[in-house]
Protein backbone atom coordinates (compact mmCIF):
# COMPACT_ATOMS: atom_id res chain seq x y z
CA MET A 1 -23.67 18.62 -6.53
CA LYS A 2 -25.15 22.03 -5.75
CA LYS A 3 -23.14 25.21 -6.23
CA GLY A 4 -23.21 26.00 -2.48
CA SER A 5 -21.95 22.57 -1.51
CA GLU A 6 -19.08 22.81 -4.03
CA ARG A 7 -18.09 26.15 -2.50
CA LYS A 8 -18.21 24.64 1.01
CA GLU A 9 -16.10 21.68 -0.16
CA ALA A 10 -13.58 24.10 -1.69
CA TRP A 11 -13.20 25.86 1.68
CA MET A 12 -12.89 22.51 3.46
CA ARG A 13 -9.90 21.72 1.25
CA ILE A 14 -7.88 24.27 3.21
CA ILE A 15 -8.45 22.53 6.55
CA ILE A 16 -8.20 19.04 5.09
CA GLY A 17 -5.10 19.99 3.10
CA ILE A 18 -3.32 21.29 6.19
CA ILE A 19 -4.20 18.34 8.43
CA SER A 20 -3.61 15.63 5.81
CA GLY A 21 -0.53 17.47 4.55
CA ILE A 22 1.09 17.45 7.98
CA ILE A 23 0.34 13.76 8.51
CA LEU A 24 1.55 12.79 5.03
CA GLY A 25 4.63 15.01 5.43
CA ILE A 26 5.66 13.22 8.63
CA TRP A 27 4.92 9.91 6.95
CA LYS A 28 7.08 11.02 3.99
CA ALA A 29 10.07 11.54 6.31
CA LEU A 30 9.62 7.97 7.58
CA ILE A 31 9.39 6.68 3.99
CA GLN A 32 12.62 8.50 3.09
CA ILE A 33 14.43 6.92 6.02
CA LEU A 34 12.98 3.51 5.14
CA GLY A 35 14.10 4.03 1.55
CA ILE A 36 17.70 4.38 2.72
CA VAL A 37 17.37 1.42 5.10
CA HIS A 38 15.81 -0.63 2.32
CA TRP A 39 18.68 0.24 -0.01
CA PHE A 40 21.16 -1.14 2.54
CA ILE A 41 19.05 -4.26 3.01
CA VAL A 42 19.05 -4.90 -0.74
CA VAL A 43 22.77 -4.22 -1.10
CA PHE A 44 23.74 -6.58 1.72
CA SER A 45 21.09 -9.30 1.41
CA GLY A 46 20.58 -9.23 -2.34
CA LYS A 47 16.80 -9.11 -2.11
CA ARG A 48 14.05 -6.59 -1.39
CA ASN A 49 12.05 -6.54 1.82
CA LYS A 50 8.40 -7.11 0.98
CA GLY A 51 7.12 -5.45 4.17
CA ILE A 52 8.98 -2.19 3.59
CA ALA A 53 7.91 -2.13 -0.06
CA LYS A 54 4.26 -2.70 0.85
CA PHE A 55 4.36 -0.01 3.55
CA SER A 56 5.88 2.43 1.07
CA GLU A 57 3.15 1.65 -1.44
CA ILE A 58 0.50 2.55 1.13
CA TRP A 59 2.08 6.01 1.33
CA ASN A 60 2.28 6.26 -2.47
CA THR A 61 -1.43 5.48 -2.74
CA GLN A 62 -2.39 7.98 -0.02
CA ILE A 63 -0.33 10.76 -1.63
CA TYR A 64 -2.04 10.10 -4.96
CA ILE A 65 -5.48 10.33 -3.32
CA PHE A 66 -4.43 13.52 -1.49
CA LEU A 67 -3.24 15.17 -4.70
CA ARG A 68 -6.40 14.18 -6.58
CA TYR A 69 -8.47 15.77 -3.83
CA MET A 70 -6.41 18.95 -3.58
CA THR A 71 -6.49 19.49 -7.36
CA PHE A 72 -10.30 19.09 -7.48
CA VAL A 73 -10.18 15.89 -9.53
CA THR A 74 -12.40 14.23 -6.92
CA ASN A 75 -14.27 15.07 -3.74
CA GLU A 76 -13.11 11.84 -2.07
CA ARG A 77 -11.35 13.08 1.04
CA PRO A 78 -7.87 11.77 1.83
CA PHE A 79 -6.59 10.00 4.92
CA PRO A 80 -7.28 10.60 7.88
CA PHE A 81 -10.75 11.80 6.86
CA THR A 82 -11.43 8.43 5.24
CA SER A 83 -9.97 5.01 5.89
CA LEU A 84 -6.79 3.96 4.14
CA THR A 85 -7.51 3.07 0.54
CA LYS A 86 -6.37 -0.22 -0.92
CA ASN A 87 -3.00 0.01 -2.67
CA PHE A 88 -3.12 0.70 -6.37
CA SER A 89 -0.17 -1.54 -7.16
CA LYS A 90 1.31 -4.67 -5.65
CA PHE A 91 4.78 -5.85 -4.70
CA LYS A 92 6.41 -7.63 -7.62
CA LYS A 93 9.38 -9.93 -7.34
């Protein structure tokens, strides 16, 4: 990549970081609430809810991609500037 395009991408990280950060921050609050709900589900039913676990893993994956972008490990832009990336790990029983 050219020096000028790297500089432009570095400046774009501010805008992308703010927009993605807000979205992922709101999503994080939902994940925290679901974590508590999921805990109660497990305590009372004795088993984990696959849907909640999979939804939480989507957030985990997106946060990882966001952090890789913001720390200049990659130039792959995070959600919502790209589509949701496939989860890195899967639900295990």
